Amino acid sequence: MVFDTLSQLEMYIPVLPAIRLIADIMDHDDLYEKAPGSYKTKDPKVTYKIFEYMTSSSDRPFEYHKDHSDLMILLKGNELMSTSWRELKNQSISYDQKTDTGFFNAEPISVLQATQGRFAIFFPGEPHKTGVADGEPCLVKKVVFKVED
């Protein structure tokens, strides 16, 4: 897992080479104004979705992916993101092979305060939970890049 400021994104290209394409998209596409939805890139292994939603204080399960990384960039608002132990994914309550997404319930081991201009990378097998209100619920706009291994 990586959590840093957007100005440091390109520093992580050696860790996740697709960041070169993602940084180019961030520089040349106006994702801040783009409508929510699913988008393709010139690399078939890199897709992204733009989400707009209200954060919530209600409990939700952790998610994980076996075959891809999630790179999340907060475009607007703030939320809490949390992680849990990797080995707990074996207690998965559901896994969908088609979307490469599994869910399970657990206690968080770390909580990150995500704000506009920050990003997080969750690698395959790393449980994460997002969309949690940091105090009062607020509107979040976020882009999530899916990078297949």
Protein backbone atom coordinates (compact mmCIF):
# COMPACT_ATOMS: atom_id res chain seq x y z
CA MET A 1 0.00 0.00 0.00
CA VAL A 2 1.16 3.50 -0.82
CA PHE A 3 -0.40 6.72 0.47
CA ASP A 4 1.07 10.04 -0.62
CA THR A 5 0.42 13.43 -2.18
CA LEU A 6 -0.38 13.70 -5.87
CA SER A 7 2.75 15.79 -6.45
CA GLN A 8 4.78 12.65 -5.60
CA LEU A 9 2.87 10.26 -7.90
CA GLU A 10 5.58 9.86 -10.54
CA MET A 11 8.11 8.87 -7.88
CA TYR A 12 6.29 5.50 -7.71
CA ILE A 13 6.69 4.59 -11.41
CA PRO A 14 9.37 1.97 -10.52
CA VAL A 15 6.83 0.29 -8.22
CA LEU A 16 3.89 0.46 -10.67
CA PRO A 17 4.98 1.33 -14.24
CA ALA A 18 1.38 2.12 -15.28
CA ILE A 19 1.72 5.30 -13.22
CA ARG A 20 3.48 6.83 -16.24
CA LEU A 21 0.20 6.54 -18.20
CA ILE A 22 -1.90 7.57 -15.20
CA ALA A 23 0.21 10.70 -14.66
CA ASP A 24 -0.21 11.56 -18.35
CA ILE A 25 -3.99 11.20 -18.03
CA MET A 26 -3.97 13.39 -14.92
CA ASP A 27 -1.93 16.02 -16.79
CA HIS A 28 -3.94 16.07 -20.02
CA ASP A 29 -7.53 15.00 -19.24
CA ASP A 30 -9.64 17.19 -17.01
CA LEU A 31 -10.76 14.46 -14.64
CA TYR A 32 -11.95 17.09 -12.16
CA GLU A 33 -14.67 18.08 -14.65
CA LYS A 34 -15.27 14.68 -16.27
CA ALA A 35 -18.59 12.98 -15.56
CA PRO A 36 -18.80 9.90 -13.35
CA GLY A 37 -18.50 6.70 -15.35
CA SER A 38 -16.13 4.07 -16.73
CA TYR A 39 -13.29 4.92 -19.08
CA LYS A 40 -10.65 3.05 -21.09
CA THR A 41 -7.07 4.10 -21.75
CA LYS A 42 -4.63 3.33 -24.57
CA ASP A 43 -3.38 0.41 -22.43
CA PRO A 44 -6.02 -2.35 -22.17
CA LYS A 45 -4.62 -3.29 -18.74
CA VAL A 46 -5.43 0.16 -17.34
CA THR A 47 -9.03 1.37 -16.98
CA TYR A 48 -10.60 3.89 -14.67
CA LYS A 49 -13.86 4.92 -13.11
CA ILE A 50 -14.88 8.28 -11.78
CA PHE A 51 -17.18 8.17 -8.78
CA GLU A 52 -19.22 10.81 -6.95
CA TYR A 53 -20.84 9.81 -3.66
CA MET A 54 -21.56 10.87 -0.12
CA THR A 55 -19.29 9.40 2.53
CA SER A 56 -21.01 7.40 5.24
CA SER A 57 -20.45 6.43 8.85
CA SER A 58 -22.23 3.10 8.37
CA ASP A 59 -20.10 -0.02 8.49
CA ARG A 60 -19.06 -1.61 5.23
CA PRO A 61 -16.90 -4.61 4.38
CA PHE A 62 -13.29 -4.52 3.26
CA GLU A 63 -12.60 -5.32 -0.38
CA TYR A 64 -9.59 -6.87 -2.09
CA HIS A 65 -8.53 -7.87 -5.58
CA LYS A 66 -6.43 -10.86 -6.63
CA ASP A 67 -5.34 -9.72 -10.09
CA HIS A 68 -5.17 -5.93 -10.12
CA SER A 69 -4.09 -2.88 -8.18
CA ASP A 70 -6.34 0.07 -7.36
CA LEU A 71 -4.85 3.55 -7.59
CA MET A 72 -7.31 6.01 -6.05
CA ILE A 73 -7.05 9.79 -6.39
CA LEU A 74 -9.35 12.10 -4.45
CA LEU A 75 -10.48 14.87 -6.78
CA LYS A 76 -12.86 16.55 -4.32
CA GLY A 77 -13.86 16.15 -0.68
CA ASN A 78 -12.37 13.95 2.01
CA GLU A 79 -12.87 10.47 3.36
CA LEU A 80 -11.28 7.91 5.59
CA MET A 81 -9.65 4.87 4.03
CA SER A 82 -8.60 1.88 6.10
CA THR A 83 -6.64 -1.31 5.70
CA SER A 84 -6.79 -4.69 7.39
CA TRP A 85 -4.65 -7.80 7.61
CA ARG A 86 -3.99 -9.46 4.26
CA GLU A 87 -4.53 -12.99 5.61
CA LEU A 88 -8.11 -12.12 6.67
CA LYS A 89 -9.18 -12.15 3.02
CA ASN A 90 -9.30 -15.95 3.43
CA GLN A 91 -12.50 -15.32 5.44
CA SER A 92 -14.08 -13.76 2.36
CA ILE A 93 -17.87 -13.55 2.46
CA SER A 94 -17.93 -13.30 -1.33
CA TYR A 95 -15.57 -13.17 -4.31
CA ASP A 96 -16.57 -12.33 -7.88
CA GLN A 97 -14.07 -13.69 -10.42
CA LYS A 98 -15.48 -11.49 -13.21
CA THR A 99 -14.84 -8.23 -11.34
CA ASP A 100 -11.88 -9.61 -9.35
CA THR A 101 -13.44 -8.32 -6.14
CA GLY A 102 -13.82 -10.02 -2.79
CA PHE A 103 -15.38 -8.76 0.43
CA PHE A 104 -14.98 -9.61 4.11
CA ASN A 105 -15.66 -8.07 7.49
CA ALA A 106 -12.81 -7.19 9.83
CA GLU A 107 -11.41 -4.53 12.12
CA PRO A 108 -9.13 -1.92 10.57
CA ILE A 109 -5.42 -1.94 11.39
CA SER A 110 -4.75 1.51 9.95
CA VAL A 111 -6.84 4.52 9.00
CA LEU A 112 -5.80 7.09 6.41
CA GLN A 113 -7.22 10.59 6.11
CA ALA A 114 -7.66 11.08 2.36
CA THR A 115 -8.16 14.61 1.09
CA GLN A 116 -8.10 16.31 -2.28
CA GLY A 117 -4.63 15.99 -3.78
CA ARG A 118 -3.80 12.66 -2.12
CA PHE A 119 -3.67 9.20 -3.63
CA ALA A 120 -3.54 5.62 -2.42
CA ILE A 121 -2.38 2.47 -4.18
CA PHE A 122 -3.73 -0.86 -2.98
CA PHE A 123 -1.86 -3.78 -4.53
CA PRO A 124 -3.34 -7.25 -5.21
CA GLY A 125 -4.43 -8.93 -2.01
CA GLU A 126 -4.38 -5.75 0.10
CA PRO A 127 -7.71 -5.27 1.89
CA HIS A 128 -9.07 -1.74 1.87
CA LYS A 129 -12.20 0.16 2.80
CA THR A 130 -13.04 3.62 1.49
CA GLY A 131 -15.95 6.05 1.53
CA VAL A 132 -16.00 6.41 5.30
CA ALA A 133 -17.03 9.81 6.63
CA ASP A 134 -14.41 11.82 8.48
CA GLY A 135 -16.94 13.47 10.80
CA GLU A 136 -19.98 14.72 8.88
CA PRO A 137 -20.75 12.98 5.56
CA CYS A 138 -19.50 14.93 2.56
CA LEU A 139 -19.54 14.71 -1.23
CA VAL A 140 -16.49 12.97 -2.69
CA LYS A 141 -15.34 12.82 -6.28
CA LYS A 142 -12.70 10.18 -6.83
CA VAL A 143 -11.01 8.45 -9.74
CA VAL A 144 -10.02 4.79 -9.34
CA PHE A 145 -7.53 3.37 -11.83
CA LYS A 146 -7.58 -0.43 -12.15
CA VAL A 147 -4.19 -1.79 -13.19
CA GLU A 148 -4.15 -5.46 -14.16
CA ASP A 149 -1.05 -7.47 -13.32
